[in-house]
């Protein structure tokens, strides 16, 4: 669902749309995005900022930094905390379980990791998770 959220925000920005984007959690706890608030659900608008002009010399924005990938395990509490942070901040991410997916297992070995989560932002790496550490990579 996070990839869809990123796509929705990208389309809105790319088209110069001035429509508001709304974010909420459904009954299963999944983050949902829409251009209209659902009836009877407390939602909050998501700020949509256009990217800086090409060649403006502005600092890198998260969209330019690279995709976010997390290697995790189902039992990992720190992974849960990272996942909640990403969802709360509408950060699109891909997640691979290092125990149950072939890609997760192979990439984890290739990275020479010793614990989970391992979070990649483009080519940059964070072992474990802290909001401050992640923001340094992402912003």
N, C-alpha and C. Protein backbone atom coordinates (compact mmCIF):
# COMPACT_ATOMS: atom_id res chain seq x y z
N UNK A 1 0.82 -1.20 0.00
CA UNK A 1 0.00 0.00 0.00
C UNK A 1 0.86 1.25 0.00
N UNK A 2 2.06 1.20 0.56
CA UNK A 2 2.89 2.39 0.59
C UNK A 2 3.36 2.80 -0.79
N UNK A 3 3.59 1.85 -1.68
CA UNK A 3 3.96 2.19 -3.05
C UNK A 3 2.83 2.93 -3.74
N UNK A 4 1.59 2.51 -3.47
CA UNK A 4 0.43 3.19 -4.03
C UNK A 4 0.35 4.62 -3.51
N UNK A 5 0.63 4.80 -2.23
CA UNK A 5 0.59 6.14 -1.65
C UNK A 5 1.61 7.04 -2.33
N UNK A 6 2.80 6.51 -2.55
CA UNK A 6 3.82 7.29 -3.25
C UNK A 6 3.39 7.64 -4.65
N UNK A 7 2.73 6.70 -5.33
CA UNK A 7 2.25 6.94 -6.69
C UNK A 7 1.18 8.03 -6.70
N UNK A 8 0.27 7.99 -5.72
CA UNK A 8 -0.79 9.00 -5.63
C UNK A 8 -0.17 10.37 -5.44
N UNK A 9 0.78 10.48 -4.52
CA UNK A 9 1.41 11.77 -4.27
C UNK A 9 2.20 12.24 -5.48
N UNK A 10 2.88 11.33 -6.15
CA UNK A 10 3.66 11.68 -7.34
C UNK A 10 2.75 12.20 -8.44
N UNK A 11 1.63 11.53 -8.68
CA UNK A 11 0.71 11.96 -9.72
C UNK A 11 0.16 13.34 -9.40
N UNK A 12 -0.20 13.56 -8.14
CA UNK A 12 -0.74 14.87 -7.76
C UNK A 12 0.28 15.97 -8.00
N UNK A 13 1.53 15.72 -7.62
CA UNK A 13 2.57 16.73 -7.80
C UNK A 13 2.89 16.89 -9.28
N UNK A 14 3.03 15.78 -9.99
CA UNK A 14 3.41 15.84 -11.41
C UNK A 14 2.36 16.57 -12.24
N UNK A 15 1.12 16.41 -11.89
CA UNK A 15 0.05 17.06 -12.65
C UNK A 15 -0.23 18.47 -12.17
N UNK A 16 0.49 18.91 -11.17
CA UNK A 16 0.25 20.24 -10.65
C UNK A 16 -1.09 20.35 -9.96
N UNK A 17 -1.62 19.24 -9.54
CA UNK A 17 -2.95 19.23 -8.94
C UNK A 17 -2.96 20.01 -7.63
N UNK A 18 -4.03 20.71 -7.42
CA UNK A 18 -4.19 21.44 -6.17
C UNK A 18 -5.16 20.72 -5.25
N UNK A 19 -5.60 19.55 -5.64
CA UNK A 19 -6.52 18.77 -4.81
C UNK A 19 -5.81 18.32 -3.54
N UNK A 20 -6.57 18.17 -2.49
CA UNK A 20 -6.03 17.72 -1.22
C UNK A 20 -5.93 16.20 -1.21
N UNK A 21 -4.91 15.67 -0.55
CA UNK A 21 -4.75 14.23 -0.35
C UNK A 21 -5.02 13.94 1.11
N UNK A 22 -5.83 12.92 1.39
CA UNK A 22 -6.17 12.56 2.75
C UNK A 22 -5.56 11.20 3.10
N UNK A 23 -5.20 11.05 4.38
CA UNK A 23 -4.56 9.83 4.87
C UNK A 23 -5.32 9.36 6.10
N UNK A 24 -5.57 8.02 6.19
CA UNK A 24 -6.22 7.45 7.36
C UNK A 24 -5.86 5.97 7.45
N UNK A 25 -6.17 5.38 8.61
CA UNK A 25 -5.97 3.94 8.82
C UNK A 25 -7.31 3.24 8.70
N UNK A 26 -7.36 2.14 7.93
CA UNK A 26 -8.60 1.38 7.81
C UNK A 26 -8.78 0.47 9.02
N UNK A 27 -9.83 -0.33 9.03
CA UNK A 27 -10.15 -1.19 10.17
C UNK A 27 -9.06 -2.21 10.47
N UNK A 28 -8.24 -2.55 9.46
CA UNK A 28 -7.16 -3.51 9.65
C UNK A 28 -5.84 -2.85 10.01
N UNK A 29 -5.86 -1.53 10.16
CA UNK A 29 -4.65 -0.79 10.52
C UNK A 29 -3.79 -0.38 9.34
N UNK A 30 -4.25 -0.62 8.11
CA UNK A 30 -3.49 -0.26 6.93
C UNK A 30 -3.68 1.23 6.62
N UNK A 31 -2.61 1.87 6.17
CA UNK A 31 -2.70 3.28 5.79
C UNK A 31 -3.36 3.39 4.42
N UNK A 32 -4.33 4.28 4.31
CA UNK A 32 -5.05 4.51 3.06
C UNK A 32 -4.89 5.98 2.66
N UNK A 33 -4.90 6.25 1.35
CA UNK A 33 -4.81 7.61 0.83
C UNK A 33 -5.93 7.81 -0.19
N UNK A 34 -6.46 9.02 -0.25
CA UNK A 34 -7.51 9.33 -1.22
C UNK A 34 -7.56 10.83 -1.44
N UNK A 35 -8.21 11.24 -2.53
CA UNK A 35 -8.41 12.66 -2.77
C UNK A 35 -9.67 13.17 -2.09
N UNK A 36 -10.44 12.26 -1.49
CA UNK A 36 -11.65 12.63 -0.74
C UNK A 36 -11.63 11.94 0.61
N UNK A 37 -12.03 12.63 1.67
CA UNK A 37 -12.07 11.95 2.97
C UNK A 37 -13.24 10.97 3.01
N UNK A 38 -13.05 9.79 3.60
CA UNK A 38 -14.15 8.83 3.70
C UNK A 38 -15.15 9.30 4.75
N UNK A 39 -16.39 8.95 4.55
CA UNK A 39 -17.45 9.36 5.48
C UNK A 39 -17.26 8.66 6.82
N UNK A 40 -17.37 9.40 7.90
CA UNK A 40 -17.34 8.83 9.24
C UNK A 40 -15.96 8.43 9.74
N UNK A 41 -14.90 8.87 9.06
CA UNK A 41 -13.55 8.52 9.49
C UNK A 41 -12.79 9.81 9.74
N UNK A 42 -12.09 9.87 10.88
CA UNK A 42 -11.28 11.03 11.21
C UNK A 42 -10.00 10.97 10.38
N UNK A 43 -9.81 11.94 9.50
CA UNK A 43 -8.65 11.94 8.60
C UNK A 43 -7.87 13.24 8.77
N UNK A 44 -6.66 13.21 8.28
CA UNK A 44 -5.88 14.44 8.26
C UNK A 44 -5.32 14.63 6.86
N UNK A 45 -5.31 15.87 6.38
CA UNK A 45 -4.76 16.11 5.06
C UNK A 45 -3.26 15.91 5.07
N UNK A 46 -2.72 15.45 3.95
CA UNK A 46 -1.29 15.25 3.78
C UNK A 46 -0.76 16.41 2.96
N UNK A 47 0.25 17.14 3.48
CA UNK A 47 0.77 18.24 2.68
C UNK A 47 1.48 17.69 1.44
N UNK A 48 1.18 18.27 0.31
CA UNK A 48 1.80 17.86 -0.95
C UNK A 48 2.59 19.07 -1.46
N UNK A 49 3.91 18.91 -1.49
CA UNK A 49 4.77 20.00 -1.95
C UNK A 49 5.33 19.66 -3.32
N UNK A 50 5.33 20.58 -4.24
CA UNK A 50 5.92 20.30 -5.54
C UNK A 50 7.44 20.20 -5.41
N UNK A 51 8.08 19.41 -6.27
CA UNK A 51 9.53 19.31 -6.21
C UNK A 51 10.17 20.62 -6.66
N UNK A 52 11.42 20.88 -6.23
CA UNK A 52 12.07 22.10 -6.69
C UNK A 52 12.35 22.01 -8.18
N UNK A 53 12.47 23.15 -8.84
CA UNK A 53 12.75 23.14 -10.28
C UNK A 53 14.08 22.44 -10.55
N UNK A 54 14.16 21.76 -11.68
CA UNK A 54 15.39 21.09 -12.07
C UNK A 54 16.48 22.14 -12.24
N UNK A 55 17.65 21.85 -11.69
CA UNK A 55 18.77 22.77 -11.80
C UNK A 55 18.68 23.95 -10.85
N UNK A 56 17.80 23.89 -9.84
CA UNK A 56 17.64 25.01 -8.93
C UNK A 56 18.76 25.08 -7.90
N UNK A 57 19.56 24.02 -7.81
CA UNK A 57 20.64 24.01 -6.83
C UNK A 57 20.15 23.78 -5.42
N UNK A 58 18.89 23.38 -5.27
CA UNK A 58 18.36 23.15 -3.93
C UNK A 58 18.88 21.83 -3.39
N UNK A 59 18.89 21.66 -2.06
CA UNK A 59 19.38 20.41 -1.49
C UNK A 59 18.50 19.24 -1.90
N UNK A 60 19.06 18.05 -1.78
CA UNK A 60 18.34 16.82 -2.16
C UNK A 60 17.06 16.69 -1.36
N UNK A 61 16.00 16.32 -2.04
CA UNK A 61 14.75 16.03 -1.37
C UNK A 61 14.63 14.53 -1.23
N UNK A 62 13.79 14.03 -0.30
CA UNK A 62 13.68 12.59 -0.14
C UNK A 62 13.39 11.84 -1.44
N UNK A 63 12.62 12.42 -2.34
CA UNK A 63 12.31 11.74 -3.59
C UNK A 63 13.58 11.53 -4.43
N UNK A 64 14.56 12.40 -4.26
CA UNK A 64 15.79 12.29 -5.02
C UNK A 64 16.79 11.35 -4.35
N UNK A 65 16.67 11.12 -3.07
CA UNK A 65 17.66 10.35 -2.33
C UNK A 65 17.66 8.90 -2.77
N UNK A 66 16.53 8.32 -3.00
CA UNK A 66 16.45 6.93 -3.41
C UNK A 66 15.35 6.21 -2.67
N UNK A 67 15.05 5.03 -3.14
CA UNK A 67 13.97 4.27 -2.53
C UNK A 67 14.39 3.73 -1.16
N UNK A 68 13.39 3.51 -0.32
CA UNK A 68 13.62 2.99 1.02
C UNK A 68 13.30 1.50 1.01
N UNK A 69 14.26 0.70 1.46
CA UNK A 69 14.08 -0.74 1.55
C UNK A 69 14.44 -1.17 2.97
N UNK A 70 13.57 -1.99 3.57
CA UNK A 70 13.84 -2.50 4.91
C UNK A 70 13.89 -4.02 4.88
N UNK A 71 14.96 -4.58 5.43
CA UNK A 71 15.08 -6.02 5.63
C UNK A 71 14.74 -6.26 7.09
N UNK A 72 13.76 -7.13 7.31
CA UNK A 72 13.17 -7.28 8.64
C UNK A 72 12.89 -8.73 8.97
N UNK A 73 12.33 -8.94 10.16
CA UNK A 73 11.86 -10.26 10.59
C UNK A 73 10.52 -10.06 11.31
N UNK A 74 9.65 -11.04 11.21
CA UNK A 74 8.29 -10.90 11.76
C UNK A 74 8.28 -10.70 13.27
N UNK A 75 9.26 -11.19 13.97
CA UNK A 75 9.30 -11.11 15.43
C UNK A 75 10.00 -9.86 15.95
N UNK A 76 10.51 -9.03 15.06
CA UNK A 76 11.38 -7.90 15.43
C UNK A 76 10.58 -6.67 15.85
N UNK A 77 10.69 -6.30 17.12
CA UNK A 77 10.01 -5.12 17.64
C UNK A 77 10.55 -3.82 17.07
N UNK A 78 11.85 -3.75 16.83
CA UNK A 78 12.44 -2.54 16.24
C UNK A 78 11.95 -2.38 14.80
N UNK A 79 11.78 -3.50 14.09
CA UNK A 79 11.22 -3.46 12.74
C UNK A 79 9.80 -2.90 12.78
N UNK A 80 9.01 -3.32 13.77
CA UNK A 80 7.65 -2.79 13.92
C UNK A 80 7.68 -1.29 14.14
N UNK A 81 8.62 -0.82 14.96
CA UNK A 81 8.72 0.62 15.23
C UNK A 81 9.07 1.38 13.95
N UNK A 82 10.00 0.85 13.16
CA UNK A 82 10.38 1.49 11.89
C UNK A 82 9.18 1.52 10.94
N UNK A 83 8.49 0.39 10.85
CA UNK A 83 7.32 0.28 9.97
C UNK A 83 6.26 1.31 10.36
N UNK A 84 5.99 1.45 11.66
CA UNK A 84 5.01 2.44 12.13
C UNK A 84 5.46 3.86 11.79
N UNK A 85 6.74 4.13 11.95
CA UNK A 85 7.28 5.46 11.63
C UNK A 85 7.08 5.76 10.14
N UNK A 86 7.44 4.81 9.28
CA UNK A 86 7.29 5.02 7.84
C UNK A 86 5.83 5.30 7.49
N UNK A 87 4.94 4.52 8.03
CA UNK A 87 3.51 4.70 7.72
C UNK A 87 2.98 6.01 8.26
N UNK A 88 3.38 6.37 9.47
CA UNK A 88 2.90 7.62 10.08
C UNK A 88 3.38 8.84 9.31
N UNK A 89 4.53 8.72 8.64
CA UNK A 89 5.09 9.84 7.89
C UNK A 89 4.91 9.68 6.38
N UNK A 90 4.05 8.74 5.99
CA UNK A 90 3.73 8.50 4.57
C UNK A 90 5.00 8.31 3.73
N UNK A 91 5.92 7.52 4.26
CA UNK A 91 7.17 7.21 3.55
C UNK A 91 7.00 5.88 2.85
N UNK A 92 7.07 5.90 1.53
CA UNK A 92 6.96 4.67 0.76
C UNK A 92 8.19 3.81 1.01
N UNK A 93 7.97 2.51 1.25
CA UNK A 93 9.10 1.62 1.48
C UNK A 93 8.76 0.22 0.99
N UNK A 94 9.81 -0.52 0.67
CA UNK A 94 9.69 -1.93 0.33
C UNK A 94 10.24 -2.70 1.52
N UNK A 95 9.61 -3.83 1.83
CA UNK A 95 10.06 -4.62 2.97
C UNK A 95 10.24 -6.06 2.56
N UNK A 96 11.36 -6.65 3.01
CA UNK A 96 11.66 -8.05 2.73
C UNK A 96 12.00 -8.74 4.04
N UNK A 97 11.25 -9.79 4.36
CA UNK A 97 11.51 -10.58 5.56
C UNK A 97 12.73 -11.46 5.28
N UNK A 98 13.74 -11.39 6.15
CA UNK A 98 14.99 -12.13 5.92
C UNK A 98 14.85 -13.62 6.22
N UNK A 99 13.75 -14.01 6.82
CA UNK A 99 13.54 -15.42 7.15
C UNK A 99 12.54 -16.10 6.22
N UNK A 100 11.62 -15.36 5.65
CA UNK A 100 10.55 -15.99 4.88
C UNK A 100 10.57 -15.68 3.39
N UNK A 101 11.42 -14.75 2.94
CA UNK A 101 11.49 -14.46 1.51
C UNK A 101 12.90 -14.76 0.99
N UNK A 102 12.96 -15.30 -0.21
CA UNK A 102 14.25 -15.62 -0.81
C UNK A 102 15.06 -14.35 -1.03
N UNK A 103 14.43 -13.32 -1.59
CA UNK A 103 15.13 -12.06 -1.84
C UNK A 103 15.66 -11.49 -0.53
N UNK A 104 14.84 -11.49 0.51
CA UNK A 104 15.27 -10.97 1.81
C UNK A 104 16.48 -11.73 2.34
N UNK A 105 16.42 -13.03 2.27
CA UNK A 105 17.51 -13.88 2.78
C UNK A 105 18.81 -13.64 1.99
N UNK A 106 18.71 -13.62 0.65
CA UNK A 106 19.90 -13.44 -0.19
C UNK A 106 20.51 -12.04 -0.03
N UNK A 107 19.67 -11.02 -0.05
CA UNK A 107 20.17 -9.65 0.12
C UNK A 107 20.81 -9.46 1.49
N UNK A 108 20.19 -10.03 2.51
CA UNK A 108 20.70 -9.92 3.88
C UNK A 108 22.11 -10.51 3.96
N UNK A 109 22.30 -11.67 3.35
CA UNK A 109 23.65 -12.28 3.33
C UNK A 109 24.62 -11.41 2.54
N UNK A 110 24.18 -10.92 1.38
CA UNK A 110 25.05 -10.08 0.54
C UNK A 110 25.48 -8.83 1.28
N UNK A 111 24.59 -8.29 2.11
CA UNK A 111 24.91 -7.09 2.89
C UNK A 111 25.82 -7.38 4.07
N UNK A 112 25.99 -8.66 4.41
CA UNK A 112 26.82 -9.02 5.56
C UNK A 112 26.22 -8.53 6.87
N UNK A 113 24.91 -8.51 6.94
CA UNK A 113 24.21 -7.97 8.11
C UNK A 113 24.26 -8.96 9.28
N UNK A 114 24.15 -8.40 10.48
CA UNK A 114 24.19 -9.22 11.69
C UNK A 114 22.93 -9.07 12.53
N UNK A 115 22.01 -8.24 12.12
CA UNK A 115 20.77 -8.03 12.87
C UNK A 115 19.75 -7.36 11.99
N UNK A 116 18.55 -7.23 12.50
CA UNK A 116 17.48 -6.55 11.78
C UNK A 116 16.94 -5.43 12.65
N UNK A 117 16.37 -4.42 12.06
CA UNK A 117 16.26 -4.19 10.63
C UNK A 117 17.55 -3.65 10.04
N UNK A 118 17.66 -3.83 8.73
CA UNK A 118 18.66 -3.15 7.92
C UNK A 118 17.85 -2.31 6.95
N UNK A 119 18.09 -1.00 6.97
CA UNK A 119 17.31 -0.07 6.16
C UNK A 119 18.25 0.60 5.16
N UNK A 120 17.86 0.54 3.90
CA UNK A 120 18.63 1.19 2.84
C UNK A 120 17.81 2.35 2.30
N UNK A 121 18.46 3.48 2.13
CA UNK A 121 17.87 4.63 1.45
C UNK A 121 18.80 4.91 0.28
N UNK A 122 18.39 4.44 -0.90
CA UNK A 122 19.29 4.48 -2.03
C UNK A 122 20.49 3.59 -1.73
N UNK A 123 21.68 4.15 -1.75
CA UNK A 123 22.91 3.40 -1.46
C UNK A 123 23.32 3.52 0.01
N UNK A 124 22.60 4.33 0.78
CA UNK A 124 22.96 4.55 2.18
C UNK A 124 22.30 3.52 3.08
N UNK A 125 22.97 3.18 4.18
CA UNK A 125 22.52 2.06 5.03
C UNK A 125 22.41 2.47 6.49
N UNK A 126 21.36 1.94 7.14
CA UNK A 126 21.17 2.11 8.57
C UNK A 126 20.91 0.74 9.17
N UNK A 127 21.77 0.31 10.08
CA UNK A 127 21.54 -0.94 10.81
C UNK A 127 20.77 -0.60 12.07
N UNK A 128 19.64 -1.28 12.30
CA UNK A 128 18.76 -0.91 13.40
C UNK A 128 17.85 0.21 12.96
N UNK A 129 17.24 0.89 13.92
CA UNK A 129 16.38 2.01 13.57
C UNK A 129 16.34 3.01 14.70
N UNK A 130 16.50 4.27 14.35
CA UNK A 130 16.19 5.40 15.21
C UNK A 130 15.66 6.49 14.29
N UNK A 131 14.74 7.28 14.80
CA UNK A 131 14.17 8.34 13.97
C UNK A 131 15.27 9.29 13.50
N UNK A 132 16.15 9.66 14.40
CA UNK A 132 17.22 10.59 14.05
C UNK A 132 18.15 10.00 12.99
N UNK A 133 18.54 8.75 13.18
CA UNK A 133 19.41 8.09 12.21
C UNK A 133 18.75 7.98 10.84
N UNK A 134 17.48 7.63 10.84
CA UNK A 134 16.78 7.51 9.56
C UNK A 134 16.66 8.87 8.87
N UNK A 135 16.30 9.91 9.63
CA UNK A 135 16.15 11.24 9.04
C UNK A 135 17.45 11.72 8.41
N UNK A 136 18.59 11.37 9.03
CA UNK A 136 19.89 11.77 8.46
C UNK A 136 20.07 11.16 7.06
N UNK A 137 19.62 9.93 6.90
CA UNK A 137 19.75 9.28 5.59
C UNK A 137 18.72 9.80 4.60
N UNK A 138 17.52 10.04 5.08
CA UNK A 138 16.37 10.29 4.21
C UNK A 138 16.27 11.75 3.76
N UNK A 139 16.65 12.68 4.61
CA UNK A 139 16.47 14.10 4.29
C UNK A 139 17.67 14.67 3.58
